[in-house]
Amino acid sequence: MSEERKVLLVVEDDEGLQRQLKWAYDGYEVVCASDRAGAIDALRAHEPAVVTLDLGLPPDPDGTDEGFATLAEILRIKPHTKVIVATGHGARESATRAIAMGAYDFYKKPVDIDELGLIVARAFHLHEIEEDNRRLETGAAETVLGSIITAAPEMLKVARTIERVASADVAVMLLGASGTGKELLARAVHEKSGRKGEFFAINCAATPENLLEAELFGYERGAFTGAVKSNVGKIELAQGGTLFLDEVGDIPLPLQVKLLRFLQERVIERIGGRQPIAVDTRIVCATHQDLEAMIGDGRFREDLYYRLAEIVVKIPSLAERTGDAVLLARHFVNRFGRELNPGVQSLSPDAIEAIDAYAWPGNVRELENRIKRAVIMTDSKSVTAADLDLQAATDVGEDVLPINLRAAREIADRRAIRQAMSRTDNNISGAAKLLGISRPTLYDLLKQYRLSA
């Protein structure tokens, strides 16, 4: 933005004032329009960052209806535009209404060029900062660990932990509910580790108990009925690489003993074999179960737990990842739209509201599946809440009470701000309008609660 000439659109039906403003703003590329149609044409053609708008436009130059209609259309087409409205008679009422609609600021007629110049300069500066923030957020969301899409502080903290432990020769345990992306994170550990071998994964819950030992350790020919040839197990296949044990809590106790021996001695024996085989394989495991409770019940070995859990990383649910549900939904719409239904391009406002309000018990996997199905089935350009089989819900549960009134207000404020920012795609003016507060008040709250703008 700073290297490009800044475009200012002046919407004013007084040609003399047009010339005056164009002369006054020599540092900008000034484009003028005299009515709503001309303003919208100029908006589409030049994409100005800032617009000054006289509310008294033809065919009703003595009223404000045409000006407000122009303001609404500008913000609908290009919601990040900073619109500064001019007000004459009834200035306070018109200014208040314009700000409530999403205008950036206002100035009174007759025009004070110096005063308006300061407002315009500030608007360009703020627009540039917001554009930079949007670019940074988009970039971070696409590049975390190479494959994790997030802008949530909760998930960014997990990513930083993964980056720190990946190169260390330690066993990593990922704790999280189903669908939170445990295998993606396990792959990230492997890719960041620098290990030259391959990545292998096995779901211990999905593999029958009588086959799990053979899958892990392999077997020799004749070890059991049907073993017509020797077979290499996953631990051995991952030599020099990483083996991901998903749902490690489902490993039966007898097999836990054999896995513990491998972790202690770094050797295995295939089923039916007598020759120890040295293996350099890193183990990353995951579970959604409470292993400490299972240890207390005698269903999981404590010594194995401490071998597997040298580093424990807790993965937040999608509901705990601030703003990520809408961010991921947009990503999936773009991806599946390209792959499965090119006519689908976006999420409707009611879909964004529903996605933000839903608890996502199936986490990212559920969100991905719902979006994929909706993209395939919809006949419109935008995925709606109905396409997702969701309903917008705004009620906040009261089953968990905060410790005091201040904490209750902070919880409510944070939730409302996150929802407003998500629904307006981080547009400060739009979010402030939804919340019924001024932009400065919203900026103060963002700073107070350490929320990203």
Protein backbone atom coordinates (compact mmCIF):
# COMPACT_ATOMS: atom_id res chain seq x y z
CA MET A 1 0.00 0.00 0.00
CA SER A 2 2.73 2.45 0.93
CA GLU A 3 4.52 1.97 -2.41
CA GLU A 4 1.37 2.59 -4.45
CA ARG A 5 -0.33 5.92 -5.08
CA LYS A 6 -3.21 6.23 -2.64
CA VAL A 7 -6.63 6.54 -4.29
CA LEU A 8 -9.20 8.90 -2.76
CA LEU A 9 -12.75 8.92 -4.12
CA VAL A 10 -14.63 12.20 -3.71
CA VAL A 11 -18.42 11.83 -4.07
CA GLU A 12 -19.73 15.40 -4.37
CA ASP A 13 -22.25 16.98 -6.76
CA ASP A 14 -20.81 20.50 -6.39
CA GLU A 15 -18.23 20.78 -9.21
CA GLY A 16 -16.55 23.77 -7.59
CA LEU A 17 -16.02 21.82 -4.36
CA GLN A 18 -14.80 18.84 -6.42
CA ARG A 19 -12.07 21.01 -7.94
CA GLN A 20 -11.18 22.48 -4.55
CA LEU A 21 -10.80 19.03 -2.94
CA LYS A 22 -8.90 17.66 -5.92
CA TRP A 23 -6.46 20.55 -5.68
CA ALA A 24 -6.14 20.22 -1.90
CA TYR A 25 -5.22 16.50 -2.07
CA ASP A 26 -2.26 16.70 -4.43
CA GLY A 27 -0.59 13.80 -2.59
CA TYR A 28 -3.37 11.39 -3.54
CA GLU A 29 -4.86 10.11 -6.77
CA VAL A 30 -8.25 11.85 -6.52
CA VAL A 31 -11.23 10.42 -8.43
CA CYS A 32 -14.51 12.35 -8.43
CA ALA A 33 -18.14 11.27 -8.83
CA SER A 34 -21.32 13.31 -8.72
CA ASP A 35 -23.98 10.68 -7.95
CA ARG A 36 -24.48 7.14 -6.66
CA ALA A 37 -24.05 5.42 -10.03
CA GLY A 38 -20.82 7.29 -10.72
CA ALA A 39 -19.55 6.55 -7.22
CA ILE A 40 -20.15 2.81 -7.58
CA ASP A 41 -18.53 2.75 -11.02
CA ALA A 42 -15.47 4.55 -9.60
CA LEU A 43 -15.39 2.22 -6.59
CA ARG A 44 -15.25 -0.86 -8.81
CA ALA A 45 -12.75 0.67 -11.23
CA HIS A 46 -10.29 2.25 -8.80
CA GLU A 47 -10.87 0.41 -5.47
CA PRO A 48 -10.15 3.49 -3.33
CA ALA A 49 -9.07 2.95 0.26
CA VAL A 50 -10.83 6.15 1.40
CA VAL A 51 -14.04 7.87 0.22
CA THR A 52 -15.41 11.29 1.13
CA LEU A 53 -19.16 11.25 0.65
CA ASP A 54 -21.62 14.16 0.60
CA LEU A 55 -24.94 12.79 1.86
CA GLY A 56 -26.87 15.32 -0.25
CA LEU A 57 -26.72 13.70 -3.68
CA PRO A 58 -29.01 13.98 -6.71
CA PRO A 59 -31.81 13.31 -7.34
CA ASP A 60 -32.39 14.49 -3.74
CA PRO A 61 -29.60 17.02 -3.05
CA ASP A 62 -31.55 18.60 -0.20
CA GLY A 63 -32.08 15.29 1.62
CA THR A 64 -29.88 12.42 2.77
CA ASP A 65 -31.63 9.26 1.54
CA GLU A 66 -29.53 8.99 -1.63
CA GLY A 67 -26.34 9.60 0.34
CA PHE A 68 -27.15 6.89 2.87
CA ALA A 69 -28.06 4.49 0.05
CA THR A 70 -24.67 5.23 -1.54
CA LEU A 71 -22.90 4.63 1.78
CA ALA A 72 -24.65 1.28 2.25
CA GLU A 73 -23.77 0.15 -1.28
CA ILE A 74 -20.11 1.17 -0.95
CA LEU A 75 -19.73 -0.81 2.28
CA ARG A 76 -21.60 -3.79 0.86
CA ILE A 77 -19.28 -3.98 -2.17
CA LYS A 78 -16.03 -3.08 -0.41
CA PRO A 79 -16.57 -3.30 3.37
CA HIS A 80 -13.01 -2.33 4.35
CA THR A 81 -13.31 1.09 2.67
CA LYS A 82 -12.96 4.06 5.02
CA VAL A 83 -15.93 6.33 4.21
CA ILE A 84 -15.96 9.89 5.58
CA VAL A 85 -19.37 11.51 5.26
CA ALA A 86 -20.16 15.22 4.93
CA THR A 87 -23.09 16.54 6.95
CA GLY A 88 -24.88 19.85 6.81
CA HIS A 89 -28.11 20.61 8.59
CA GLY A 90 -29.08 18.03 11.22
CA ALA A 91 -25.40 17.13 11.42
CA ARG A 92 -25.46 15.19 14.69
CA GLU A 93 -28.34 12.89 13.69
CA SER A 94 -26.91 12.20 10.23
CA ALA A 95 -23.40 11.64 11.58
CA THR A 96 -24.64 9.20 14.22
CA ARG A 97 -26.61 7.25 11.65
CA ALA A 98 -23.68 7.15 9.22
CA ILE A 99 -21.26 5.87 11.88
CA ALA A 100 -23.81 3.22 12.93
CA MET A 101 -23.96 2.05 9.30
CA GLY A 102 -20.19 1.61 9.21
CA ALA A 103 -18.80 4.98 8.09
CA TYR A 104 -15.31 5.72 9.38
CA ASP A 105 -15.86 9.37 10.35
CA PHE A 106 -17.69 12.57 9.39
CA TYR A 107 -17.00 16.25 8.75
CA LYS A 108 -19.28 19.28 8.79
CA LYS A 109 -19.99 21.64 5.94
CA PRO A 110 -18.78 24.21 5.07
CA VAL A 111 -15.56 22.25 4.54
CA ASP A 112 -12.43 23.08 6.51
CA ILE A 113 -9.74 21.70 4.16
CA ASP A 114 -7.10 21.37 6.88
CA GLU A 115 -9.44 19.55 9.26
CA LEU A 116 -10.69 17.22 6.53
CA GLY A 117 -7.10 16.61 5.43
CA LEU A 118 -6.21 15.30 8.88
CA ILE A 119 -9.25 12.96 8.88
CA VAL A 120 -8.39 11.66 5.41
CA ALA A 121 -4.72 11.08 6.31
CA ARG A 122 -5.72 9.20 9.46
CA ALA A 123 -8.17 7.08 7.48
CA PHE A 124 -5.48 6.08 4.97
CA HIS A 125 -3.09 5.23 7.81
CA LEU A 126 -5.64 3.05 9.60
CA HIS A 127 -6.66 1.32 6.36
CA GLU A 128 -3.01 0.46 5.68
CA ILE A 129 -2.55 -0.98 9.18
CA GLU A 130 -5.70 -3.09 8.88
CA GLU A 131 -4.66 -4.35 5.45
CA ASP A 132 -1.26 -5.36 6.83
CA ASN A 133 -2.93 -7.18 9.73
CA ARG A 134 -5.25 -9.06 7.37
CA ARG A 135 -2.28 -10.10 5.21
CA LEU A 136 -0.33 -11.24 8.25
CA GLU A 137 -3.26 -13.22 9.64
CA THR A 138 -3.89 -14.89 6.30
CA GLY A 139 -0.22 -15.77 5.93
CA ALA A 140 0.04 -17.21 9.45
CA ALA A 141 -3.11 -19.23 8.97
CA GLU A 142 -1.71 -20.86 5.85
CA THR A 143 1.83 -21.58 6.98
CA VAL A 144 1.75 -22.80 10.59
CA LEU A 145 3.81 -26.02 10.63
CA GLY A 146 3.32 -26.20 6.88
CA SER A 147 -0.14 -27.77 7.09
CA ILE A 148 -2.07 -26.46 10.12
CA ILE A 149 -4.58 -23.71 9.29
CA THR A 150 -5.14 -21.49 12.31
CA ALA A 151 -5.08 -17.94 13.59
CA ALA A 152 -6.15 -18.90 17.12
CA PRO A 153 -3.72 -18.09 19.96
CA GLU A 154 -4.59 -21.43 21.54
CA MET A 155 -3.46 -23.38 18.47
CA LEU A 156 -0.50 -21.12 17.70
CA LYS A 157 0.82 -21.99 21.18
CA VAL A 158 0.58 -25.70 20.28
CA ALA A 159 2.45 -25.04 17.03
CA ARG A 160 5.26 -23.28 18.87
CA THR A 161 5.57 -26.24 21.24
CA ILE A 162 5.73 -28.69 18.34
CA GLU A 163 8.48 -26.66 16.67
CA ARG A 164 10.53 -26.67 19.87
CA VAL A 165 10.28 -30.40 20.63
CA ALA A 166 10.43 -31.74 17.06
CA SER A 167 14.22 -31.77 16.83
CA ALA A 168 14.71 -33.18 20.34
CA ASP A 169 15.04 -36.95 20.74
CA VAL A 170 12.00 -37.31 23.00
CA ALA A 171 8.71 -39.21 22.84
CA VAL A 172 5.74 -36.92 22.25
CA MET A 173 2.17 -37.61 23.39
CA LEU A 174 -0.68 -35.64 21.81
CA LEU A 175 -3.84 -35.37 23.91
CA GLY A 176 -7.02 -34.24 22.21
CA ALA A 177 -10.53 -35.18 21.19
CA SER A 178 -11.32 -36.99 17.96
CA GLY A 179 -11.07 -34.76 14.90
CA THR A 180 -8.69 -32.17 16.38
CA GLY A 181 -5.86 -32.93 13.95
CA LYS A 182 -3.60 -35.21 15.99
CA GLU A 183 -2.16 -36.99 12.93
CA LEU A 184 -1.41 -33.67 11.20
CA LEU A 185 0.53 -32.57 14.27
CA ALA A 186 2.32 -35.92 14.46
CA ARG A 187 3.38 -35.48 10.82
CA ALA A 188 4.59 -31.98 11.69
CA VAL A 189 6.76 -33.42 14.48
CA HIS A 190 8.31 -35.81 11.95
CA GLU A 191 8.79 -33.19 9.22
CA LYS A 192 10.41 -30.71 11.63
CA SER A 193 12.60 -33.39 13.24
CA GLY A 194 15.06 -33.77 10.37
CA ARG A 195 14.80 -37.56 10.50
CA LYS A 196 15.59 -39.17 7.13
CA GLY A 197 13.25 -42.16 7.43
CA GLU A 198 9.56 -42.24 6.58
CA PHE A 199 6.44 -41.47 8.62
CA PHE A 200 4.07 -44.35 9.37
CA ALA A 201 0.81 -44.33 11.30
CA ILE A 202 -1.34 -47.00 12.87
CA ASN A 203 -4.69 -46.60 14.63
CA CYS A 204 -4.52 -48.92 17.63
CA ALA A 205 -8.28 -48.70 18.22
CA ALA A 206 -9.17 -49.60 14.63
CA THR A 207 -6.80 -52.60 14.42
CA PRO A 208 -8.15 -55.90 15.82
CA GLU A 209 -6.33 -56.94 18.98
CA ASN A 210 -5.13 -60.23 17.51
CA LEU A 211 -3.54 -58.41 14.54
CA LEU A 212 -2.08 -55.40 16.32
CA GLU A 213 1.08 -57.17 17.51
CA ALA A 214 1.81 -58.41 13.99
CA GLU A 215 1.17 -54.93 12.55
CA LEU A 216 3.62 -53.38 15.01
CA PHE A 217 6.37 -55.97 15.28
CA GLY A 218 6.02 -58.08 12.14
CA TYR A 219 6.31 -61.86 11.99
CA GLU A 220 8.41 -64.66 10.55
CA ARG A 221 7.24 -67.27 8.08
CA GLY A 222 5.35 -70.05 9.86
CA ALA A 223 4.86 -68.04 13.05
CA PHE A 224 1.12 -68.79 12.91
CA THR A 225 -1.46 -70.27 10.57
CA GLY A 226 -1.50 -68.23 7.37
CA ALA A 227 2.00 -66.76 7.84
CA VAL A 228 3.30 -68.04 4.50
CA LYS A 229 6.09 -65.47 4.36
CA SER A 230 7.90 -63.08 6.66
CA ASN A 231 6.41 -59.62 7.16
CA VAL A 232 8.06 -56.43 8.41
CA GLY A 233 6.11 -54.54 11.09
CA LYS A 234 5.46 -50.80 11.30
CA ILE A 235 8.14 -50.19 13.95
CA GLU A 236 10.77 -51.72 11.69
CA LEU A 237 9.43 -50.00 8.57
CA ALA A 238 9.83 -46.64 10.32
CA GLN A 239 13.57 -47.21 10.79
CA GLY A 240 15.21 -43.79 10.90
CA GLY A 241 11.78 -42.16 10.80
CA THR A 242 8.67 -41.77 12.94
CA LEU A 243 5.84 -44.11 13.96
CA PHE A 244 2.58 -42.50 15.03
CA LEU A 245 0.50 -44.63 17.42
CA ASP A 246 -3.00 -43.18 17.35
CA GLU A 247 -5.33 -44.11 20.24
CA VAL A 248 -2.44 -45.67 22.15
CA GLY A 249 -4.74 -46.21 25.13
CA ASP A 250 -6.37 -49.09 23.26
CA ILE A 251 -3.20 -51.23 23.20
CA PRO A 252 -3.89 -54.37 25.29
CA LEU A 253 -1.79 -54.93 28.42
CA PRO A 254 0.28 -57.89 27.11
CA LEU A 255 1.32 -55.83 24.08
CA GLN A 256 2.11 -52.85 26.29
CA VAL A 257 4.88 -54.94 27.88
CA LYS A 258 6.45 -55.65 24.48
CA LEU A 259 6.20 -52.00 23.42
CA LEU A 260 7.85 -50.93 26.69
CA ARG A 261 10.77 -53.29 26.04
CA PHE A 262 11.30 -51.73 22.62
CA LEU A 263 11.29 -48.21 24.08
CA GLN A 264 13.80 -49.21 26.75
CA GLU A 265 16.19 -51.32 24.65
CA ARG A 266 15.51 -50.09 21.09
CA VAL A 267 15.34 -53.67 19.79
CA ILE A 268 12.40 -55.76 18.61
CA GLU A 269 11.71 -59.39 17.85
CA ARG A 270 9.24 -60.37 15.16
CA ILE A 271 6.54 -62.84 16.11
CA GLY A 272 8.05 -66.30 15.74
CA GLY A 273 11.54 -64.84 15.51
CA ARG A 274 14.49 -65.26 17.83
CA GLN A 275 16.86 -62.66 16.44
CA PRO A 276 16.82 -59.21 18.11
CA ILE A 277 16.60 -56.40 15.54
CA ALA A 278 17.97 -52.98 16.48
CA VAL A 279 15.61 -50.20 15.35
CA ASP A 280 15.99 -46.40 15.47
CA THR A 281 12.36 -45.32 15.32
CA ARG A 282 10.86 -42.31 17.05
CA ILE A 283 7.45 -42.84 18.64
CA VAL A 284 4.77 -40.16 18.63
CA CYS A 285 1.45 -41.22 20.14
CA ALA A 286 -1.99 -39.78 20.67
CA THR A 287 -5.15 -40.52 22.58
CA HIS A 288 -8.43 -38.95 23.60
CA GLN A 289 -8.60 -41.10 26.74
CA ASP A 290 -7.55 -40.22 30.29
CA LEU A 291 -4.46 -42.42 30.58
CA GLU A 292 -3.80 -41.41 34.18
CA ALA A 293 -7.26 -42.70 35.13
CA MET A 294 -6.57 -45.88 33.14
CA ILE A 295 -3.34 -46.32 35.11
CA GLY A 296 -5.34 -46.10 38.32
CA ASP A 297 -7.73 -48.75 37.01
CA GLY A 298 -4.86 -51.01 36.00
CA ARG A 299 -5.66 -50.77 32.28
CA PHE A 300 -2.49 -48.92 31.27
CA ARG A 301 1.06 -49.41 32.51
CA GLU A 302 2.48 -46.47 34.40
CA ASP A 303 6.05 -47.18 33.27
CA LEU A 304 4.92 -47.23 29.63
CA TYR A 305 3.04 -43.96 30.10
CA TYR A 306 6.17 -42.17 31.29
CA ARG A 307 8.17 -43.59 28.38
CA LEU A 308 5.58 -42.35 25.89
CA ALA A 309 4.80 -39.03 27.56
CA GLU A 310 8.18 -37.35 27.87
CA ILE A 311 6.51 -34.33 26.26
CA VAL A 312 2.71 -33.97 26.49
CA VAL A 313 0.94 -31.58 24.11
CA LYS A 314 -2.73 -30.84 24.75
CA ILE A 315 -4.66 -29.99 21.58
CA PRO A 316 -7.62 -27.61 22.00
CA SER A 317 -10.99 -28.53 20.58
CA LEU A 318 -12.32 -26.47 17.67
CA ALA A 319 -14.70 -24.71 20.06
CA GLU A 320 -11.66 -23.59 22.10
CA ARG A 321 -9.80 -22.23 19.05
CA THR A 322 -10.80 -18.56 18.91
CA GLY A 323 -12.19 -17.68 15.46
CA ASP A 324 -10.83 -20.81 13.75
CA ALA A 325 -14.19 -22.38 12.89
CA VAL A 326 -15.07 -19.60 10.40
CA LEU A 327 -11.46 -19.39 9.16
CA LEU A 328 -11.35 -23.13 8.44
CA ALA A 329 -14.85 -23.09 6.95
CA ARG A 330 -13.77 -20.47 4.39
CA HIS A 331 -10.69 -22.56 3.57
CA PHE A 332 -12.78 -25.70 3.02
CA VAL A 333 -15.32 -23.82 0.87
CA ASN A 334 -12.51 -22.54 -1.37
CA ARG A 335 -10.87 -25.95 -1.55
CA PHE A 336 -13.97 -28.06 -2.18
CA GLY A 337 -15.45 -25.38 -4.44
CA ARG A 338 -12.44 -25.69 -6.75
CA GLU A 339 -12.44 -29.48 -6.58
CA LEU A 340 -16.13 -30.40 -6.56
CA ASN A 341 -18.41 -27.47 -7.46
CA PRO A 342 -16.71 -24.42 -9.05
CA GLY A 343 -19.90 -22.36 -8.76
CA VAL A 344 -19.62 -22.24 -4.97
CA GLN A 345 -17.55 -19.27 -3.86
CA SER A 346 -18.40 -18.21 -0.30
CA LEU A 347 -20.31 -18.62 2.95
CA SER A 348 -23.56 -16.75 3.48
CA PRO A 349 -23.90 -14.47 6.54
CA ASP A 350 -26.28 -16.92 8.24
CA ALA A 351 -23.79 -19.76 7.64
CA ILE A 352 -21.01 -17.73 9.29
CA GLU A 353 -23.29 -17.04 12.25
CA ALA A 354 -24.26 -20.70 12.56
CA ILE A 355 -20.67 -21.94 12.26
CA ASP A 356 -19.52 -19.49 14.93
CA ALA A 357 -22.33 -20.46 17.32
CA TYR A 358 -22.11 -24.27 16.91
CA ALA A 359 -20.07 -26.29 19.45
CA TRP A 360 -18.46 -28.68 16.87
CA PRO A 361 -18.34 -31.87 18.96
CA GLY A 362 -16.66 -33.62 16.00
CA ASN A 363 -14.12 -30.79 15.74
CA VAL A 364 -12.29 -30.05 12.46
CA ARG A 365 -13.24 -33.40 10.93
CA GLU A 366 -16.96 -32.66 11.42
CA LEU A 367 -16.57 -29.15 10.00
CA GLU A 368 -14.71 -30.46 6.95
CA ASN A 369 -17.34 -33.14 6.30
CA ARG A 370 -20.26 -30.71 6.63
CA ILE A 371 -18.65 -28.17 4.30
CA LYS A 372 -17.79 -30.85 1.74
CA ARG A 373 -21.34 -32.18 1.71
CA ALA A 374 -22.81 -28.67 1.51
CA VAL A 375 -20.56 -27.65 -1.40
CA ILE A 376 -21.59 -30.75 -3.34
CA MET A 377 -25.31 -30.36 -2.69
CA THR A 378 -25.91 -26.60 -2.89
CA ASP A 379 -27.27 -24.95 -6.04
CA SER A 380 -26.21 -21.42 -5.08
CA LYS A 381 -22.91 -19.53 -5.01
CA SER A 382 -22.91 -19.32 -1.21
CA VAL A 383 -23.13 -22.12 1.33
CA THR A 384 -25.98 -21.37 3.77
CA ALA A 385 -26.73 -22.52 7.30
CA ALA A 386 -29.45 -24.77 5.87
CA ASP A 387 -26.90 -26.36 3.50
CA LEU A 388 -24.79 -27.16 6.57
CA ASP A 389 -27.81 -28.50 8.45
CA LEU A 390 -27.12 -25.94 11.18
CA GLN A 391 -29.17 -23.31 12.93
CA ALA A 392 -27.75 -20.06 14.33
CA ALA A 393 -27.80 -20.15 18.12
CA THR A 394 -27.02 -17.10 20.21
CA ASP A 395 -27.91 -18.29 23.70
CA VAL A 396 -24.98 -18.78 26.05
CA GLY A 397 -25.24 -21.73 28.42
CA GLU A 398 -25.52 -20.93 32.12
CA ASP A 399 -24.38 -24.27 33.51
CA VAL A 400 -20.90 -22.93 34.35
CA LEU A 401 -20.91 -19.72 36.38
CA PRO A 402 -17.94 -17.35 36.61
CA ILE A 403 -16.53 -16.53 40.01
CA ASN A 404 -17.81 -12.93 40.10
CA LEU A 405 -19.65 -10.26 38.11
CA ARG A 406 -16.43 -8.82 36.63
CA ALA A 407 -15.43 -12.23 35.32
CA ALA A 408 -18.93 -12.76 33.93
CA ARG A 409 -18.75 -9.52 32.01
CA GLU A 410 -15.29 -10.33 30.64
CA ILE A 411 -16.50 -13.74 29.42
CA ALA A 412 -19.53 -12.15 27.76
CA ASP A 413 -17.44 -9.34 26.25
CA ARG A 414 -14.83 -11.71 24.83
CA ARG A 415 -17.47 -13.97 23.29
CA ALA A 416 -19.40 -11.08 21.77
CA ILE A 417 -16.25 -9.43 20.36
CA ARG A 418 -14.95 -12.69 18.85
CA GLN A 419 -18.32 -13.34 17.21
CA ALA A 420 -18.61 -9.81 15.85
CA MET A 421 -15.06 -9.81 14.48
CA SER A 422 -15.56 -13.22 12.91
CA ARG A 423 -18.89 -12.34 11.29
CA THR A 424 -17.50 -9.14 9.78
CA ASP A 425 -14.20 -10.71 8.65
CA ASN A 426 -12.29 -8.55 11.17
CA ASN A 427 -13.81 -5.27 9.94
CA ILE A 428 -13.52 -2.92 12.92
CA SER A 429 -16.34 -0.60 11.87
CA GLY A 430 -18.67 -3.49 11.05
CA ALA A 431 -17.89 -5.26 14.34
CA ALA A 432 -18.41 -2.07 16.33
CA LYS A 433 -21.75 -1.60 14.59
CA LEU A 434 -22.84 -5.15 15.46
CA LEU A 435 -21.81 -4.58 19.07
CA GLY A 436 -23.48 -1.18 19.28
CA ILE A 437 -20.29 0.60 20.36
CA SER A 438 -17.89 3.11 18.82
CA ARG A 439 -14.69 2.11 17.03
CA PRO A 440 -12.46 3.64 19.76
CA THR A 441 -14.37 1.67 22.40
CA LEU A 442 -13.87 -1.54 20.43
CA TYR A 443 -10.15 -0.80 20.03
CA ASP A 444 -9.91 -0.27 23.80
CA LEU A 445 -11.67 -3.59 24.47
CA LEU A 446 -9.43 -5.45 22.00
CA LYS A 447 -6.38 -4.06 23.80
CA GLN A 448 -7.85 -4.73 27.27
CA TYR A 449 -8.65 -8.37 26.54
CA ARG A 450 -5.55 -8.89 24.34
CA LEU A 451 -7.60 -9.96 21.33
CA SER A 452 -6.20 -9.59 17.82
CA ALA A 453 -7.80 -6.99 15.55
